[in-house]
Amino acid sequence: AGDYAFPVNDAIVEHPAINWIGCCNELNAACAADGYARMRG
């Protein structure tokens, strides 16, 4: 999360079909999204 992204973060948390998955840093988060995409497309 980050202050400029709070409206986007809020919408993700409130979305009924999408989960927010917090990570330790942004590099890790993007790598995690890469691994997720290898499973889900």
PDB file of all heavy atoms in Angstrom:
ATOM      1  N   ALA A   1       0.828  -1.208   0.000  1.00  0.00           N
ATOM      2  CA  ALA A   1       0.000   0.000   0.000  1.00  0.00           C
ATOM      3  C   ALA A   1       0.859   1.254   0.000  1.00  0.00           C
ATOM      4  O   ALA A   1       2.015   1.252   0.440  1.00  0.00           O
ATOM      5  CB  ALA A   1      -0.923  -0.009   1.208  1.00  0.00           C
ATOM      6  N   GLY A   2       0.295   2.338  -0.504  1.00  0.00           N
ATOM      7  CA  GLY A   2       0.964   3.637  -0.498  1.00  0.00           C
ATOM      8  C   GLY A   2      -0.067   4.731  -0.630  1.00  0.00           C
ATOM      9  O   GLY A   2      -1.148   4.515  -1.201  1.00  0.00           O
ATOM     10  N   ASP A   3       0.237   5.929  -0.118  1.00  0.00           N
ATOM     11  CA  ASP A   3      -0.809   6.949  -0.037  1.00  0.00           C
ATOM     12  C   ASP A   3      -1.384   7.335  -1.395  1.00  0.00           C
ATOM     13  O   ASP A   3      -2.586   7.523  -1.532  1.00  0.00           O
ATOM     14  CB  ASP A   3      -0.327   8.175   0.733  1.00  0.00           C
ATOM     15  CG  ASP A   3       0.964   8.773   0.198  1.00  0.00           C
ATOM     16  OD1 ASP A   3       1.550   8.205  -0.745  1.00  0.00           O
ATOM     17  OD2 ASP A   3       1.403   9.806   0.743  1.00  0.00           O
ATOM     18  N   TYR A   4      -0.564   7.449  -2.424  1.00  0.00           N
ATOM     19  CA  TYR A   4      -1.110   7.796  -3.739  1.00  0.00           C
ATOM     20  C   TYR A   4      -2.003   6.676  -4.282  1.00  0.00           C
ATOM     21  O   TYR A   4      -2.853   6.907  -5.135  1.00  0.00           O
ATOM     22  CB  TYR A   4       0.016   8.072  -4.739  1.00  0.00           C
ATOM     23  CG  TYR A   4       0.825   9.309  -4.432  1.00  0.00           C
ATOM     24  CD1 TYR A   4       2.208   9.288  -4.513  1.00  0.00           C
ATOM     25  CD2 TYR A   4       0.209  10.505  -4.075  1.00  0.00           C
ATOM     26  CE1 TYR A   4       2.973  10.415  -4.242  1.00  0.00           C
ATOM     27  CE2 TYR A   4       0.949  11.646  -3.789  1.00  0.00           C
ATOM     28  CZ  TYR A   4       2.337  11.594  -3.876  1.00  0.00           C
ATOM     29  OH  TYR A   4       3.084  12.724  -3.597  1.00  0.00           O
ATOM     30  N   ALA A   5      -1.779   5.463  -3.812  1.00  0.00           N
ATOM     31  CA  ALA A   5      -2.546   4.314  -4.299  1.00  0.00           C
ATOM     32  C   ALA A   5      -3.706   3.947  -3.374  1.00  0.00           C
ATOM     33  O   ALA A   5      -4.412   2.968  -3.657  1.00  0.00           O
ATOM     34  CB  ALA A   5      -1.619   3.105  -4.458  1.00  0.00           C
ATOM     35  N   PHE A   6      -3.942   4.712  -2.305  1.00  0.00           N
ATOM     36  CA  PHE A   6      -4.989   4.333  -1.358  1.00  0.00           C
ATOM     37  C   PHE A   6      -6.361   4.128  -2.013  1.00  0.00           C
ATOM     38  O   PHE A   6      -7.068   3.170  -1.687  1.00  0.00           O
ATOM     39  CB  PHE A   6      -5.103   5.356  -0.235  1.00  0.00           C
ATOM     40  CG  PHE A   6      -4.062   5.208   0.851  1.00  0.00           C
ATOM     41  CD1 PHE A   6      -3.832   6.237   1.756  1.00  0.00           C
ATOM     42  CD2 PHE A   6      -3.315   4.044   0.965  1.00  0.00           C
ATOM     43  CE1 PHE A   6      -2.869   6.113   2.753  1.00  0.00           C
ATOM     44  CE2 PHE A   6      -2.352   3.914   1.953  1.00  0.00           C
ATOM     45  CZ  PHE A   6      -2.130   4.955   2.847  1.00  0.00           C
ATOM     46  N   PRO A   7      -6.808   4.994  -2.927  1.00  0.00           N
ATOM     47  CA  PRO A   7      -8.118   4.737  -3.548  1.00  0.00           C
ATOM     48  C   PRO A   7      -8.151   3.413  -4.316  1.00  0.00           C
ATOM     49  O   PRO A   7      -9.180   2.730  -4.326  1.00  0.00           O
ATOM     50  CB  PRO A   7      -8.303   5.933  -4.490  1.00  0.00           C
ATOM     51  CG  PRO A   7      -7.469   7.015  -3.881  1.00  0.00           C
ATOM     52  CD  PRO A   7      -6.267   6.302  -3.336  1.00  0.00           C
ATOM     53  N   VAL A   8      -7.040   3.052  -4.933  1.00  0.00           N
ATOM     54  CA  VAL A   8      -6.962   1.770  -5.634  1.00  0.00           C
ATOM     55  C   VAL A   8      -6.907   0.631  -4.614  1.00  0.00           C
ATOM     56  O   VAL A   8      -7.614  -0.376  -4.744  1.00  0.00           O
ATOM     57  CB  VAL A   8      -5.734   1.731  -6.562  1.00  0.00           C
ATOM     58  CG1 VAL A   8      -5.611   0.378  -7.249  1.00  0.00           C
ATOM     59  CG2 VAL A   8      -5.818   2.852  -7.597  1.00  0.00           C
ATOM     60  N   ASN A   9      -6.078   0.799  -3.578  1.00  0.00           N
ATOM     61  CA  ASN A   9      -5.998  -0.220  -2.523  1.00  0.00           C
ATOM     62  C   ASN A   9      -7.369  -0.456  -1.885  1.00  0.00           C
ATOM     63  O   ASN A   9      -7.775  -1.608  -1.671  1.00  0.00           O
ATOM     64  CB  ASN A   9      -5.021   0.212  -1.434  1.00  0.00           C
ATOM     65  CG  ASN A   9      -3.605   0.475  -1.915  1.00  0.00           C
ATOM     66  OD1 ASN A   9      -2.881   1.270  -1.322  1.00  0.00           O
ATOM     67  ND2 ASN A   9      -3.203  -0.172  -2.996  1.00  0.00           N
ATOM     68  N   ASP A  10      -8.087   0.647  -1.581  1.00  0.00           N
ATOM     69  CA  ASP A  10      -9.411   0.527  -0.950  1.00  0.00           C
ATOM     70  C   ASP A  10     -10.358  -0.272  -1.838  1.00  0.00           C
ATOM     71  O   ASP A  10     -11.095  -1.147  -1.360  1.00  0.00           O
ATOM     72  CB  ASP A  10     -10.006   1.910  -0.688  1.00  0.00           C
ATOM     73  CG  ASP A  10      -9.256   2.689   0.378  1.00  0.00           C
ATOM     74  OD1 ASP A  10      -8.471   2.067   1.127  1.00  0.00           O
ATOM     75  OD2 ASP A  10      -9.432   3.921   0.456  1.00  0.00           O
ATOM     76  N   ALA A  11     -10.342   0.027  -3.120  1.00  0.00           N
ATOM     77  CA  ALA A  11     -11.259  -0.640  -4.044  1.00  0.00           C
ATOM     78  C   ALA A  11     -10.952  -2.130  -4.156  1.00  0.00           C
ATOM     79  O   ALA A  11     -11.868  -2.952  -4.281  1.00  0.00           O
ATOM     80  CB  ALA A  11     -11.194   0.025  -5.417  1.00  0.00           C
ATOM     81  N   ILE A  12      -9.664  -2.477  -4.111  1.00  0.00           N
ATOM     82  CA  ILE A  12      -9.292  -3.897  -4.174  1.00  0.00           C
ATOM     83  C   ILE A  12      -9.802  -4.623  -2.946  1.00  0.00           C
ATOM     84  O   ILE A  12     -10.401  -5.707  -3.026  1.00  0.00           O
ATOM     85  CB  ILE A  12      -7.769  -4.047  -4.317  1.00  0.00           C
ATOM     86  CG1 ILE A  12      -7.282  -3.472  -5.651  1.00  0.00           C
ATOM     87  CG2 ILE A  12      -7.361  -5.515  -4.195  1.00  0.00           C
ATOM     88  CD1 ILE A  12      -5.773  -3.374  -5.773  1.00  0.00           C
ATOM     89  N   VAL A  13      -9.584  -4.024  -1.772  1.00  0.00           N
ATOM     90  CA  VAL A  13     -10.021  -4.656  -0.524  1.00  0.00           C
ATOM     91  C   VAL A  13     -11.537  -4.819  -0.494  1.00  0.00           C
ATOM     92  O   VAL A  13     -12.061  -5.824   0.014  1.00  0.00           O
ATOM     93  CB  VAL A  13      -9.530  -3.821   0.679  1.00  0.00           C
ATOM     94  CG1 VAL A  13     -10.158  -4.331   1.974  1.00  0.00           C
ATOM     95  CG2 VAL A  13      -8.011  -3.871   0.781  1.00  0.00           C
ATOM     96  N   GLU A  14     -12.257  -3.863  -1.055  1.00  0.00           N
ATOM     97  CA  GLU A  14     -13.724  -3.885  -1.020  1.00  0.00           C
ATOM     98  C   GLU A  14     -14.333  -4.725  -2.140  1.00  0.00           C
ATOM     99  O   GLU A  14     -15.537  -4.994  -2.128  1.00  0.00           O
ATOM    100  CB  GLU A  14     -14.258  -2.447  -1.104  1.00  0.00           C
ATOM    101  CG  GLU A  14     -13.903  -1.608   0.120  1.00  0.00           C
ATOM    102  CD  GLU A  14     -14.101  -0.113  -0.121  1.00  0.00           C
ATOM    103  OE1 GLU A  14     -14.585   0.257  -1.222  1.00  0.00           O
ATOM    104  OE2 GLU A  14     -13.764   0.675   0.778  1.00  0.00           O
ATOM    105  N   HIS A  15     -13.525  -5.157  -3.097  1.00  0.00           N
ATOM    106  CA  HIS A  15     -14.072  -5.874  -4.249  1.00  0.00           C
ATOM    107  C   HIS A  15     -14.526  -7.277  -3.832  1.00  0.00           C
ATOM    108  O   HIS A  15     -13.789  -8.000  -3.157  1.00  0.00           O
ATOM    109  CB  HIS A  15     -13.031  -5.980  -5.365  1.00  0.00           C
ATOM    110  CG  HIS A  15     -13.610  -6.357  -6.693  1.00  0.00           C
ATOM    111  ND1 HIS A  15     -13.937  -7.648  -7.020  1.00  0.00           N
ATOM    112  CD2 HIS A  15     -13.935  -5.597  -7.771  1.00  0.00           C
ATOM    113  CE1 HIS A  15     -14.432  -7.669  -8.255  1.00  0.00           C
ATOM    114  NE2 HIS A  15     -14.431  -6.443  -8.739  1.00  0.00           N
ATOM    115  N   PRO A  16     -15.702  -7.706  -4.228  1.00  0.00           N
ATOM    116  CA  PRO A  16     -16.211  -9.002  -3.759  1.00  0.00           C
ATOM    117  C   PRO A  16     -15.503 -10.209  -4.364  1.00  0.00           C
ATOM    118  O   PRO A  16     -15.581 -11.310  -3.791  1.00  0.00           O
ATOM    119  CB  PRO A  16     -17.685  -8.969  -4.195  1.00  0.00           C
ATOM    120  CG  PRO A  16     -17.723  -8.010  -5.352  1.00  0.00           C
ATOM    121  CD  PRO A  16     -16.697  -6.964  -5.035  1.00  0.00           C
ATOM    122  N   ALA A  17     -14.828 -10.041  -5.508  1.00  0.00           N
ATOM    123  CA  ALA A  17     -14.237 -11.200  -6.187  1.00  0.00           C
ATOM    124  C   ALA A  17     -12.717 -11.151  -6.255  1.00  0.00           C
ATOM    125  O   ALA A  17     -12.102 -12.027  -6.867  1.00  0.00           O
ATOM    126  CB  ALA A  17     -14.813 -11.313  -7.604  1.00  0.00           C
ATOM    127  N   ILE A  18     -12.107 -10.140  -5.645  1.00  0.00           N
ATOM    128  CA  ILE A  18     -10.650  -9.996  -5.696  1.00  0.00           C
ATOM    129  C   ILE A  18     -10.116  -9.843  -4.278  1.00  0.00           C
ATOM    130  O   ILE A  18     -10.669  -9.084  -3.470  1.00  0.00           O
ATOM    131  CB  ILE A  18     -10.225  -8.785  -6.555  1.00  0.00           C
ATOM    132  CG1 ILE A  18     -10.632  -8.996  -8.019  1.00  0.00           C
ATOM    133  CG2 ILE A  18      -8.717  -8.554  -6.466  1.00  0.00           C
ATOM    134  CD1 ILE A  18     -10.297  -7.829  -8.930  1.00  0.00           C
ATOM    135  N   ASN A  19      -9.041 -10.548  -3.976  1.00  0.00           N
ATOM    136  CA  ASN A  19      -8.392 -10.447  -2.668  1.00  0.00           C
ATOM    137  C   ASN A  19      -7.148  -9.576  -2.755  1.00  0.00           C
ATOM    138  O   ASN A  19      -6.386  -9.659  -3.722  1.00  0.00           O
ATOM    139  CB  ASN A  19      -7.966 -11.844  -2.182  1.00  0.00           C
ATOM    140  CG  ASN A  19      -9.136 -12.783  -2.037  1.00  0.00           C
ATOM    141  OD1 ASN A  19     -10.140 -12.433  -1.414  1.00  0.00           O
ATOM    142  ND2 ASN A  19      -9.024 -13.965  -2.609  1.00  0.00           N
ATOM    143  N   TRP A  20      -6.938  -8.752  -1.740  1.00  0.00           N
ATOM    144  CA  TRP A  20      -5.683  -8.018  -1.602  1.00  0.00           C
ATOM    145  C   TRP A  20      -4.667  -8.930  -0.912  1.00  0.00           C
ATOM    146  O   TRP A  20      -4.943  -9.494   0.137  1.00  0.00           O
ATOM    147  CB  TRP A  20      -5.888  -6.756  -0.772  1.00  0.00           C
ATOM    148  CG  TRP A  20      -4.593  -6.094  -0.357  1.00  0.00           C
ATOM    149  CD1 TRP A  20      -3.950  -6.218   0.839  1.00  0.00           C
ATOM    150  CD2 TRP A  20      -3.789  -5.224  -1.153  1.00  0.00           C
ATOM    151  NE1 TRP A  20      -2.793  -5.479   0.837  1.00  0.00           N
ATOM    152  CE2 TRP A  20      -2.656  -4.853  -0.374  1.00  0.00           C
ATOM    153  CE3 TRP A  20      -3.896  -4.712  -2.442  1.00  0.00           C
ATOM    154  CZ2 TRP A  20      -1.659  -4.006  -0.843  1.00  0.00           C
ATOM    155  CZ3 TRP A  20      -2.913  -3.855  -2.916  1.00  0.00           C
ATOM    156  CH2 TRP A  20      -1.801  -3.508  -2.121  1.00  0.00           C
ATOM    157  N   ILE A  21      -3.500  -9.113  -1.530  1.00  0.00           N
ATOM    158  CA  ILE A  21      -2.446  -9.947  -0.969  1.00  0.00           C
ATOM    159  C   ILE A  21      -1.238  -9.055  -0.698  1.00  0.00           C
ATOM    160  O   ILE A  21      -0.463  -8.737  -1.607  1.00  0.00           O
ATOM    161  CB  ILE A  21      -2.048 -11.101  -1.921  1.00  0.00           C
ATOM    162  CG1 ILE A  21      -3.285 -11.888  -2.372  1.00  0.00           C
ATOM    163  CG2 ILE A  21      -1.014 -11.997  -1.256  1.00  0.00           C
ATOM    164  CD1 ILE A  21      -3.924 -12.707  -1.286  1.00  0.00           C
ATOM    165  N   GLY A  22      -1.096  -8.618   0.549  1.00  0.00           N
ATOM    166  CA  GLY A  22       0.023  -7.751   0.903  1.00  0.00           C
ATOM    167  C   GLY A  22       1.341  -8.497   0.916  1.00  0.00           C
ATOM    168  O   GLY A  22       1.414  -9.656   1.348  1.00  0.00           O
ATOM    169  N   CYS A  23       2.390  -7.860   0.422  1.00  0.00           N
ATOM    170  CA  CYS A  23       3.727  -8.451   0.382  1.00  0.00           C
ATOM    171  C   CYS A  23       4.712  -7.580   1.149  1.00  0.00           C
ATOM    172  O   CYS A  23       4.383  -6.465   1.571  1.00  0.00           O
ATOM    173  CB  CYS A  23       4.185  -8.626  -1.064  1.00  0.00           C
ATOM    174  SG  CYS A  23       3.193  -9.829  -1.995  1.00  0.00           S
ATOM    175  N   CYS A  24       5.925  -8.082   1.319  1.00  0.00           N
ATOM    176  CA  CYS A  24       6.918  -7.386   2.137  1.00  0.00           C
ATOM    177  C   CYS A  24       7.529  -6.196   1.420  1.00  0.00           C
ATOM    178  O   CYS A  24       7.973  -5.238   2.050  1.00  0.00           O
ATOM    179  CB  CYS A  24       8.019  -8.358   2.568  1.00  0.00           C
ATOM    180  SG  CYS A  24       7.428  -9.674   3.650  1.00  0.00           S
ATOM    181  N   ASN A  25       7.638  -6.248   0.107  1.00  0.00           N
ATOM    182  CA  ASN A  25       8.121  -5.115  -0.680  1.00  0.00           C
ATOM    183  C   ASN A  25       7.606  -5.269  -2.100  1.00  0.00           C
ATOM    184  O   ASN A  25       7.061  -6.313  -2.480  1.00  0.00           O
ATOM    185  CB  ASN A  25       9.652  -4.991  -0.632  1.00  0.00           C
ATOM    186  CG  ASN A  25      10.355  -6.224  -1.160  1.00  0.00           C
ATOM    187  OD1 ASN A  25      10.103  -6.674  -2.273  1.00  0.00           O
ATOM    188  ND2 ASN A  25      11.251  -6.789  -0.348  1.00  0.00           N
ATOM    189  N   GLU A  26       7.771  -4.227  -2.879  1.00  0.00           N
ATOM    190  CA  GLU A  26       7.177  -4.211  -4.214  1.00  0.00           C
ATOM    191  C   GLU A  26       7.863  -5.170  -5.177  1.00  0.00           C
ATOM    192  O   GLU A  26       7.209  -5.735  -6.068  1.00  0.00           O
ATOM    193  CB  GLU A  26       7.206  -2.782  -4.777  1.00  0.00           C
ATOM    194  CG  GLU A  26       6.299  -1.801  -4.063  1.00  0.00           C
ATOM    195  CD  GLU A  26       6.939  -1.129  -2.854  1.00  0.00           C
ATOM    196  OE1 GLU A  26       8.081  -1.503  -2.502  1.00  0.00           O
ATOM    197  OE2 GLU A  26       6.307  -0.219  -2.262  1.00  0.00           O
ATOM    198  N   LEU A  27       9.164  -5.352  -5.036  1.00  0.00           N
ATOM    199  CA  LEU A  27       9.849  -6.326  -5.889  1.00  0.00           C
ATOM    200  C   LEU A  27       9.252  -7.714  -5.664  1.00  0.00           C
ATOM    201  O   LEU A  27       8.921  -8.431  -6.618  1.00  0.00           O
ATOM    202  CB  LEU A  27      11.344  -6.338  -5.583  1.00  0.00           C
ATOM    203  CG  LEU A  27      12.155  -7.431  -6.295  1.00  0.00           C
ATOM    204  CD1 LEU A  27      12.157  -7.213  -7.800  1.00  0.00           C
ATOM    205  CD2 LEU A  27      13.585  -7.473  -5.748  1.00  0.00           C
ATOM    206  N   ASN A  28       9.098  -8.096  -4.409  1.00  0.00           N
ATOM    207  CA  ASN A  28       8.513  -9.392  -4.088  1.00  0.00           C
ATOM    208  C   ASN A  28       7.077  -9.499  -4.592  1.00  0.00           C
ATOM    209  O   ASN A  28       6.648 -10.554  -5.075  1.00  0.00           O
ATOM    210  CB  ASN A  28       8.549  -9.634  -2.588  1.00  0.00           C
ATOM    211  CG  ASN A  28       9.956  -9.850  -2.053  1.00  0.00           C
ATOM    212  OD1 ASN A  28      10.919  -9.807  -2.795  1.00  0.00           O
ATOM    213  ND2 ASN A  28      10.063 -10.067  -0.760  1.00  0.00           N
ATOM    214  N   ALA A  29       6.326  -8.404  -4.462  1.00  0.00           N
ATOM    215  CA  ALA A  29       4.930  -8.423  -4.904  1.00  0.00           C
ATOM    216  C   ALA A  29       4.833  -8.681  -6.401  1.00  0.00           C
ATOM    217  O   ALA A  29       3.983  -9.454  -6.863  1.00  0.00           O
ATOM    218  CB  ALA A  29       4.249  -7.103  -4.550  1.00  0.00           C
ATOM    219  N   ALA A  30       5.706  -8.051  -7.169  1.00  0.00           N
ATOM    220  CA  ALA A  30       5.674  -8.241  -8.622  1.00  0.00           C
ATOM    221  C   ALA A  30       6.152  -9.644  -8.995  1.00  0.00           C
ATOM    222  O   ALA A  30       5.634 -10.257  -9.938  1.00  0.00           O
ATOM    223  CB  ALA A  30       6.523  -7.178  -9.313  1.00  0.00           C
ATOM    224  N   CYS A  31       7.125 -10.178  -8.267  1.00  0.00           N
ATOM    225  CA  CYS A  31       7.534 -11.565  -8.499  1.00  0.00           C
ATOM    226  C   CYS A  31       6.404 -12.526  -8.149  1.00  0.00           C
ATOM    227  O   CYS A  31       6.191 -13.532  -8.835  1.00  0.00           O
ATOM    228  CB  CYS A  31       8.770 -11.906  -7.668  1.00  0.00           C
ATOM    229  SG  CYS A  31      10.316 -11.166  -8.252  1.00  0.00           S
ATOM    230  N   ALA A  32       5.686 -12.222  -7.076  1.00  0.00           N
ATOM    231  CA  ALA A  32       4.562 -13.059  -6.685  1.00  0.00           C
ATOM    232  C   ALA A  32       3.473 -13.036  -7.756  1.00  0.00           C
ATOM    233  O   ALA A  32       2.877 -14.075  -8.074  1.00  0.00           O
ATOM    234  CB  ALA A  32       3.994 -12.611  -5.342  1.00  0.00           C
ATOM    235  N   ALA A  33       3.218 -11.859  -8.329  1.00  0.00           N
ATOM    236  CA  ALA A  33       2.241 -11.767  -9.411  1.00  0.00           C
ATOM    237  C   ALA A  33       2.683 -12.582 -10.611  1.00  0.00           C
ATOM    238  O   ALA A  33       1.868 -13.192 -11.313  1.00  0.00           O
ATOM    239  CB  ALA A  33       2.042 -10.299  -9.805  1.00  0.00           C
ATOM    240  N   ASP A  34       3.987 -12.620 -10.859  1.00  0.00           N
ATOM    241  CA  ASP A  34       4.540 -13.440 -11.938  1.00  0.00           C
ATOM    242  C   ASP A  34       4.282 -14.922 -11.672  1.00  0.00           C
ATOM    243  O   ASP A  34       3.802 -15.664 -12.547  1.00  0.00           O
ATOM    244  CB  ASP A  34       6.042 -13.166 -12.050  1.00  0.00           C
ATOM    245  CG  ASP A  34       6.739 -13.960 -13.135  1.00  0.00           C
ATOM    246  OD1 ASP A  34       6.840 -15.197 -13.010  1.00  0.00           O
ATOM    247  OD2 ASP A  34       7.229 -13.345 -14.103  1.00  0.00           O
ATOM    248  N   GLY A  35       4.580 -15.375 -10.451  1.00  0.00           N
ATOM    249  CA  GLY A  35       4.328 -16.775 -10.112  1.00  0.00           C
ATOM    250  C   GLY A  35       2.857 -17.125 -10.186  1.00  0.00           C
ATOM    251  O   GLY A  35       2.484 -18.207 -10.652  1.00  0.00           O
ATOM    252  N   TYR A  36       2.001 -16.214  -9.739  1.00  0.00           N
ATOM    253  CA  TYR A  36       0.548 -16.410  -9.798  1.00  0.00           C
ATOM    254  C   TYR A  36       0.093 -16.553 -11.246  1.00  0.00           C
ATOM    255  O   TYR A  36      -0.706 -17.440 -11.586  1.00  0.00           O
ATOM    256  CB  TYR A  36      -0.118 -15.207  -9.138  1.00  0.00           C
ATOM    257  CG  TYR A  36      -1.624 -15.220  -9.065  1.00  0.00           C
ATOM    258  CD1 TYR A  36      -2.281 -15.714  -7.944  1.00  0.00           C
ATOM    259  CD2 TYR A  36      -2.397 -14.688 -10.103  1.00  0.00           C
ATOM    260  CE1 TYR A  36      -3.669 -15.687  -7.850  1.00  0.00           C
ATOM    261  CE2 TYR A  36      -3.780 -14.667 -10.024  1.00  0.00           C
ATOM    262  CZ  TYR A  36      -4.416 -15.161  -8.900  1.00  0.00           C
ATOM    263  OH  TYR A  36      -5.783 -15.131  -8.811  1.00  0.00           O
ATOM    264  N   ALA A  37       0.622 -15.685 -12.118  1.00  0.00           N
ATOM    265  CA  ALA A  37       0.232 -15.718 -13.523  1.00  0.00           C
ATOM    266  C   ALA A  37       0.659 -17.012 -14.202  1.00  0.00           C
ATOM    267  O   ALA A  37       0.006 -17.476 -15.137  1.00  0.00           O
ATOM    268  CB  ALA A  37       0.824 -14.518 -14.262  1.00  0.00           C
ATOM    269  N   ARG A  38       1.744 -17.615 -13.735  1.00  0.00           N
ATOM    270  CA  ARG A  38       2.166 -18.899 -14.301  1.00  0.00           C
ATOM    271  C   ARG A  38       1.169 -20.006 -13.973  1.00  0.00           C
ATOM    272  O   ARG A  38       1.075 -20.994 -14.697  1.00  0.00           O
ATOM    273  CB  ARG A  38       3.559 -19.264 -13.774  1.00  0.00           C
ATOM    274  CG  ARG A  38       4.661 -18.369 -14.343  1.00  0.00           C
ATOM    275  CD  ARG A  38       5.991 -18.583 -13.642  1.00  0.00           C
ATOM    276  NE  ARG A  38       7.004 -17.667 -14.128  1.00  0.00           N
ATOM    277  CZ  ARG A  38       8.115 -18.028 -14.785  1.00  0.00           C
ATOM    278  NH1 ARG A  38       8.357 -19.312 -15.012  1.00  0.00           N
ATOM    279  NH2 ARG A  38       8.979 -17.134 -15.199  1.00  0.00           N
ATOM    280  N   MET A  39       0.429 -19.825 -12.895  1.00  0.00           N
ATOM    281  CA  MET A  39      -0.604 -20.786 -12.531  1.00  0.00           C
ATOM    282  C   MET A  39      -1.947 -20.452 -13.176  1.00  0.00           C
ATOM    283  O   MET A  39      -2.680 -21.348 -13.607  1.00  0.00           O
ATOM    284  CB  MET A  39      -0.789 -20.818 -10.999  1.00  0.00           C
ATOM    285  CG  MET A  39       0.448 -21.215 -10.202  1.00  0.00           C
ATOM    286  SD  MET A  39       0.954 -22.930 -10.493  1.00  0.00           S
ATOM    287  CE  MET A  39       2.360 -22.666 -11.577  1.00  0.00           C
ATOM    288  N   ARG A  40      -2.288 -19.167 -13.242  1.00  0.00           N
ATOM    289  CA  ARG A  40      -3.628 -18.752 -13.646  1.00  0.00           C
ATOM    290  C   ARG A  40      -3.698 -18.173 -15.062  1.00  0.00           C
ATOM    291  O   ARG A  40      -4.790 -17.938 -15.568  1.00  0.00           O
ATOM    292  CB  ARG A  40      -4.147 -17.702 -12.666  1.00  0.00           C
ATOM    293  CG  ARG A  40      -4.335 -18.179 -11.235  1.00  0.00           C
ATOM    294  CD  ARG A  40      -5.589 -19.043 -11.097  1.00  0.00           C
ATOM    295  NE  ARG A  40      -5.927 -19.272  -9.697  1.00  0.00           N
ATOM    296  CZ  ARG A  40      -6.747 -18.512  -8.977  1.00  0.00           C
ATOM    297  NH1 ARG A  40      -7.323 -17.470  -9.527  1.00  0.00           N
ATOM    298  NH2 ARG A  40      -6.988 -18.801  -7.712  1.00  0.00           N
ATOM    299  N   GLY A  41      -2.556 -17.870 -15.663  1.00  0.00           N
ATOM    300  CA  GLY A  41      -2.552 -17.240 -16.983  1.00  0.00           C
ATOM    301  C   GLY A  41      -2.363 -15.747 -16.937  1.00  0.00           C
ATOM    302  O   GLY A  41      -1.783 -15.147 -17.845  1.00  0.00           O
TER     303      GLY A  41
END
